Amino acid sequence: MITSMTGYGEASGQGNGWIVSVKIKTLNHRYLDPQIKGLDGYEALELQALDLLKGGFHRGRVEVTVQFQREVDDLPALDLTTARQHYKTLKKLAGELELDDQITLDHLIRMGGAIKPLSLDPTGLWPVLEQALTEAMAVVQRMRCREGDALAAELTQLWEAITVELSTVEVRVPELKRLYKERLEQRISELVQNMKLDSDRIEQEVALWAERSDISEEIARLKIHLAAAEKAMESAEAAGRTLDFLAQEMSREVNTMAAKVRDGDIAQRLIEAKGIIERVREQVRNIE
């Protein structure tokens, strides 16, 4: 099954006095690279969230943003003792320096400690976070599957286009071997017409050089790669890396054939095939 690496989803969970909102954005990446914002200082929650992400995604950059909000708008706790101490300190400092500036609430807050922020309870938050994270991941996966279906349809067309070019080349192989052999024989004959050489040896050398220019093996391997690519697309496993590898091998086979042939029409067909394979590689980069 083909799954895209790009997607977006969000969800929220509620419980234990908290509302948890999760947003997930996934992008192309060679490996799995999960990153979470909003859980700084809560390593236990972050580790649990990372384990959940690694179980749901196999490849790609996964950007997660987590936000917490109280179900009831509780006010932060006030530390009046600390606030009074700050006030006395500032009052004494102003007197020592003979300052007329008024001490304000802003001065006390800036000194810190007078207002205690609400703290998170990791133990009670994980079930809520897990629910929101799981639902957001499901939304992302549905989007990735839809895009994957579109990618699969395009790749199928590209495989067919490569097969057409390959079939055209394959039909010409026997003729190419014959023409190449004839040209070699004629060339050698012109070079050695006044020399006494073993005709059987010449025939062997001609056959050897003709064999070196044969592209039958490359065509056979390219067919195997195409079949393997189609099989990978039907597999339940993530196919991105497999398809990337096969596309590289296809490109290598086409390059080898292009280096061997000396026929203009076949060379043009191979250029077309190489262009199609490059389009395949561009699409494969989007596949998980």
Protein backbone atom coordinates (compact mmCIF):
# COMPACT_ATOMS: atom_id res chain seq x y z
CA MET A 1 0.00 0.00 0.00
CA ILE A 2 1.25 3.44 -0.92
CA THR A 3 1.09 6.15 1.74
CA SER A 4 2.18 9.76 1.29
CA MET A 5 4.51 11.36 3.83
CA THR A 6 2.64 14.68 3.83
CA GLY A 7 -0.44 15.21 5.95
CA TYR A 8 -2.10 17.27 8.65
CA GLY A 9 -4.49 16.52 11.49
CA GLU A 10 -5.66 17.90 14.79
CA ALA A 11 -7.75 16.66 17.70
CA SER A 12 -8.46 17.37 21.34
CA GLY A 13 -9.09 15.37 24.49
CA GLN A 14 -10.65 16.26 27.81
CA GLY A 15 -10.36 14.81 31.31
CA ASN A 16 -8.81 15.12 34.76
CA GLY A 17 -9.54 18.84 34.74
CA TRP A 18 -7.62 19.52 31.51
CA ILE A 19 -8.33 20.06 27.80
CA VAL A 20 -5.48 18.85 25.58
CA SER A 21 -5.19 20.02 21.96
CA VAL A 22 -2.86 18.28 19.50
CA LYS A 23 -1.83 19.37 15.99
CA ILE A 24 0.27 17.12 13.75
CA LYS A 25 1.97 18.02 10.48
CA THR A 26 4.00 15.44 8.56
CA LEU A 27 6.54 16.24 5.85
CA ASN A 28 8.97 14.40 3.59
CA HIS A 29 12.10 13.12 5.26
CA ARG A 30 14.47 10.28 4.53
CA TYR A 31 13.99 8.78 7.99
CA LEU A 32 11.43 9.04 10.80
CA ASP A 33 12.01 12.32 12.61
CA PRO A 34 9.34 13.04 15.28
CA GLN A 35 9.48 16.40 17.05
CA ILE A 36 7.16 17.55 19.83
CA LYS A 37 6.54 21.10 21.06
CA GLY A 38 4.69 21.87 24.27
CA LEU A 39 6.02 19.13 26.54
CA ASP A 40 9.23 20.78 27.69
CA GLY A 41 9.98 19.74 31.25
CA TYR A 42 7.71 16.71 31.12
CA GLU A 43 10.02 13.97 29.89
CA ALA A 44 7.72 11.10 30.88
CA LEU A 45 4.87 12.48 28.77
CA GLU A 46 7.23 13.23 25.89
CA LEU A 47 8.69 9.71 25.88
CA GLN A 48 5.23 8.15 25.91
CA ALA A 49 4.14 10.41 23.07
CA LEU A 50 7.25 9.57 21.03
CA ASP A 51 6.60 5.84 21.46
CA LEU A 52 3.06 6.33 20.18
CA LEU A 53 4.28 8.31 17.15
CA LYS A 54 6.93 5.71 16.28
CA GLY A 55 4.27 3.02 16.33
CA GLY A 56 2.06 4.94 13.88
CA PHE A 57 4.60 6.41 11.43
CA HIS A 58 7.50 4.72 9.65
CA ARG A 59 9.12 7.54 7.72
CA GLY A 60 8.97 11.33 7.44
CA ARG A 61 9.27 14.39 9.62
CA VAL A 62 6.45 14.49 12.20
CA GLU A 63 5.88 17.88 13.83
CA VAL A 64 3.55 17.76 16.87
CA THR A 65 2.27 20.75 18.84
CA VAL A 66 0.59 20.14 22.20
CA GLN A 67 -1.40 22.73 24.18
CA PHE A 68 -2.98 22.36 27.62
CA GLN A 69 -5.89 24.34 29.04
CA ARG A 70 -7.79 24.04 32.31
CA GLU A 71 -11.41 22.91 31.97
CA VAL A 72 -12.25 25.57 34.54
CA ASP A 73 -10.30 28.81 34.40
CA ASP A 74 -8.47 28.41 37.71
CA LEU A 75 -6.45 31.39 38.79
CA PRO A 76 -2.77 30.91 39.53
CA ALA A 77 -1.96 30.64 43.23
CA LEU A 78 -0.76 33.79 45.01
CA ASP A 79 2.17 33.81 47.43
CA LEU A 80 1.37 36.84 49.54
CA THR A 81 4.28 36.23 51.92
CA THR A 82 6.75 36.47 49.06
CA ALA A 83 4.98 39.53 47.67
CA ARG A 84 5.22 41.32 51.05
CA GLN A 85 8.91 40.49 51.30
CA HIS A 86 9.48 41.92 47.84
CA TYR A 87 7.61 45.05 48.79
CA LYS A 88 9.66 45.55 51.97
CA THR A 89 12.88 45.01 50.05
CA LEU A 90 11.95 47.54 47.38
CA LYS A 91 10.78 50.03 50.02
CA LYS A 92 14.05 49.74 51.88
CA LEU A 93 16.03 50.07 48.65
CA ALA A 94 14.12 53.20 47.67
CA GLY A 95 14.77 54.71 51.10
CA GLU A 96 18.47 53.91 51.05
CA LEU A 97 18.83 55.46 47.62
CA GLU A 98 16.48 58.34 48.43
CA LEU A 99 14.21 57.50 45.49
CA ASP A 100 10.73 58.93 45.12
CA ASP A 101 9.53 56.25 42.64
CA GLN A 102 6.30 54.52 43.60
CA ILE A 103 6.43 50.74 44.04
CA THR A 104 3.90 49.13 41.66
CA LEU A 105 2.43 45.70 41.11
CA ASP A 106 4.59 45.38 38.01
CA HIS A 107 7.72 45.74 40.16
CA LEU A 108 6.59 42.92 42.47
CA ILE A 109 5.70 40.55 39.59
CA ARG A 110 9.04 41.16 37.89
CA MET A 111 10.85 39.94 41.02
CA GLY A 112 9.11 36.56 40.63
CA GLY A 113 7.67 34.09 43.09
CA ALA A 114 4.57 36.07 44.01
CA ILE A 115 2.39 34.25 41.46
CA LYS A 116 2.63 30.47 41.16
CA PRO A 117 1.79 29.13 37.65
CA LEU A 118 -0.49 26.12 37.36
CA SER A 119 1.48 22.88 37.21
CA LEU A 120 0.70 19.79 35.11
CA ASP A 121 0.20 16.36 36.62
CA PRO A 122 1.90 13.94 34.16
CA THR A 123 0.21 10.91 35.71
CA GLY A 124 -3.31 12.13 35.14
CA LEU A 125 -2.57 13.85 31.81
CA TRP A 126 -1.27 10.93 29.77
CA PRO A 127 -4.67 9.27 29.11
CA VAL A 128 -6.03 12.60 27.86
CA LEU A 129 -2.96 13.33 25.75
CA GLU A 130 -2.96 9.77 24.38
CA GLN A 131 -6.57 10.13 23.25
CA ALA A 132 -5.96 13.45 21.48
CA LEU A 133 -2.71 12.24 19.93
CA THR A 134 -4.25 9.01 18.66
CA GLU A 135 -7.19 10.82 17.08
CA ALA A 136 -4.93 13.41 15.41
CA MET A 137 -2.72 10.63 14.05
CA ALA A 138 -5.77 8.92 12.57
CA VAL A 139 -6.76 12.14 10.77
CA VAL A 140 -3.23 12.49 9.41
CA GLN A 141 -3.15 8.88 8.24
CA ARG A 142 -6.42 9.25 6.35
CA MET A 143 -5.03 12.24 4.49
CA ARG A 144 -1.77 10.42 3.77
CA CYS A 145 -3.69 7.42 2.43
CA ARG A 146 -5.75 9.60 0.09
CA GLU A 147 -2.61 11.22 -1.28
CA GLY A 148 -1.00 7.78 -1.46
CA ASP A 149 -3.80 6.52 -3.71
CA ALA A 150 -3.15 9.42 -6.08
CA LEU A 151 0.60 8.71 -6.06
CA ALA A 152 -0.04 5.02 -6.75
CA ALA A 153 -2.19 5.87 -9.77
CA GLU A 154 0.50 8.14 -11.18
CA LEU A 155 3.26 5.60 -10.55
CA THR A 156 1.25 2.90 -12.33
CA GLN A 157 1.07 5.14 -15.39
CA LEU A 158 4.81 5.75 -15.20
CA TRP A 159 5.57 2.01 -14.96
CA GLU A 160 3.45 1.47 -18.07
CA ALA A 161 5.27 4.26 -19.91
CA ILE A 162 8.65 2.71 -19.06
CA THR A 163 7.39 -0.70 -20.23
CA VAL A 164 6.35 0.79 -23.59
CA GLU A 165 9.80 2.31 -24.15
CA LEU A 166 11.47 -0.92 -23.03
CA SER A 167 9.38 -3.05 -25.39
CA THR A 168 10.33 -0.83 -28.31
CA VAL A 169 14.00 -1.22 -27.45
CA GLU A 170 13.74 -4.98 -26.88
CA VAL A 171 12.21 -5.60 -30.31
CA ARG A 172 15.22 -3.96 -31.93
CA VAL A 173 17.87 -5.94 -30.00
CA PRO A 174 18.35 -8.84 -32.50
CA GLU A 175 18.59 -6.37 -35.37
CA LEU A 176 21.07 -4.22 -33.46
CA LYS A 177 23.29 -7.23 -32.77
CA ARG A 178 23.24 -8.21 -36.44
CA LEU A 179 23.99 -4.69 -37.69
CA TYR A 180 26.76 -4.21 -35.18
CA LYS A 181 28.35 -7.52 -36.12
CA GLU A 182 28.19 -6.66 -39.82
CA ARG A 183 29.77 -3.25 -39.28
CA LEU A 184 32.58 -4.80 -37.26
CA GLU A 185 33.24 -7.45 -39.89
CA GLN A 186 33.33 -4.85 -42.63
CA ARG A 187 35.64 -2.60 -40.65
CA ILE A 188 38.04 -5.40 -39.81
CA SER A 189 37.98 -6.62 -43.38
CA GLU A 190 39.01 -3.17 -44.60
CA LEU A 191 41.86 -3.01 -42.10
CA VAL A 192 43.32 -6.48 -42.76
CA GLN A 193 42.55 -7.02 -46.45
CA ASN A 194 46.28 -7.20 -47.31
CA MET A 195 47.20 -9.24 -44.25
CA LYS A 196 47.11 -12.99 -43.72
CA LEU A 197 45.06 -13.58 -40.54
CA ASP A 198 43.11 -16.49 -39.14
CA SER A 199 39.48 -16.03 -40.25
CA ASP A 200 38.18 -18.08 -37.30
CA ARG A 201 40.03 -15.85 -34.86
CA ILE A 202 38.60 -12.76 -36.52
CA GLU A 203 35.11 -14.24 -36.25
CA GLN A 204 35.64 -14.89 -32.55
CA GLU A 205 36.77 -11.32 -31.90
CA VAL A 206 33.81 -9.93 -33.81
CA ALA A 207 31.42 -12.09 -31.80
CA LEU A 208 33.08 -10.98 -28.55
CA TRP A 209 32.76 -7.28 -29.35
CA ALA A 210 29.18 -7.75 -30.48
CA GLU A 211 28.40 -9.49 -27.18
CA ARG A 212 29.85 -6.58 -25.24
CA SER A 213 27.37 -4.27 -26.95
CA ASP A 214 24.40 -6.54 -26.23
CA ILE A 215 21.80 -4.97 -23.90
CA SER A 216 19.64 -8.07 -23.36
CA GLU A 217 20.78 -8.56 -19.77
CA GLU A 218 20.05 -4.94 -18.85
CA ILE A 219 16.58 -5.26 -20.34
CA ALA A 220 15.94 -8.44 -18.34
CA ARG A 221 17.06 -6.81 -15.10
CA LEU A 222 14.95 -3.74 -15.79
CA LYS A 223 11.90 -5.98 -16.22
CA ILE A 224 12.65 -7.60 -12.86
CA HIS A 225 12.88 -4.17 -11.19
CA LEU A 226 9.54 -3.13 -12.71
CA ALA A 227 7.87 -6.29 -11.43
CA ALA A 228 9.38 -5.77 -7.97
CA ALA A 229 8.14 -2.17 -7.90
CA GLU A 230 4.58 -3.22 -8.72
CA LYS A 231 4.75 -5.89 -6.02
CA ALA A 232 6.04 -3.39 -3.45
CA MET A 233 3.12 -1.07 -4.18
CA GLU A 234 0.69 -3.88 -3.36
CA SER A 235 2.46 -4.82 -0.13
CA ALA A 236 1.06 -3.85 3.26
CA GLU A 237 4.54 -2.68 4.31
CA ALA A 238 5.87 0.86 3.82
CA ALA A 239 7.18 0.89 0.25
CA GLY A 240 8.99 4.23 -0.01
CA ARG A 241 12.57 3.06 0.54
CA THR A 242 12.10 -0.04 -1.61
CA LEU A 243 10.72 1.99 -4.50
CA ASP A 244 13.52 4.54 -4.15
CA PHE A 245 16.12 1.77 -4.37
CA LEU A 246 14.42 0.15 -7.39
CA ALA A 247 14.18 3.49 -9.19
CA GLN A 248 17.93 3.98 -8.69
CA GLU A 249 18.59 0.52 -10.12
CA MET A 250 16.35 1.21 -13.09
CA SER A 251 18.24 4.42 -13.80
CA ARG A 252 21.54 2.52 -13.61
CA GLU A 253 20.38 -0.09 -16.13
CA VAL A 254 19.19 2.56 -18.57
CA ASN A 255 22.50 4.42 -18.28
CA THR A 256 24.39 1.21 -19.00
CA MET A 257 22.29 0.55 -22.10
CA ALA A 258 22.75 4.11 -23.32
CA ALA A 259 26.53 3.69 -23.05
CA LYS A 260 26.42 0.51 -25.15
CA VAL A 261 24.10 1.29 -28.05
CA ARG A 262 25.09 3.25 -31.13
CA ASP A 263 21.62 3.57 -32.60
CA GLY A 264 19.96 6.97 -32.70
CA ASP A 265 16.37 5.73 -32.36
CA ILE A 266 17.20 3.44 -29.44
CA ALA A 267 19.22 6.19 -27.78
CA GLN A 268 16.18 8.48 -27.98
CA ARG A 269 13.98 5.77 -26.45
CA LEU A 270 16.43 5.37 -23.58
CA ILE A 271 16.47 9.12 -23.00
CA GLU A 272 12.68 9.02 -22.76
CA ALA A 273 12.87 6.10 -20.32
CA LYS A 274 15.41 7.91 -18.17
CA GLY A 275 13.19 10.98 -18.03
CA ILE A 276 10.25 8.85 -16.88
CA ILE A 277 12.39 7.19 -14.20
CA GLU A 278 13.41 10.62 -12.90
CA ARG A 279 9.72 11.47 -12.56
CA VAL A 280 9.31 8.21 -10.64
CA ARG A 281 12.10 9.16 -8.26
CA GLU A 282 10.50 12.56 -7.64
CA GLN A 283 7.20 10.92 -6.70
CA VAL A 284 8.85 8.21 -4.60
CA ARG A 285 10.38 10.88 -2.37
CA ASN A 286 6.84 11.62 -1.17
CA ILE A 287 6.09 8.01 -0.22
CA GLU A 288 6.42 6.63 3.30
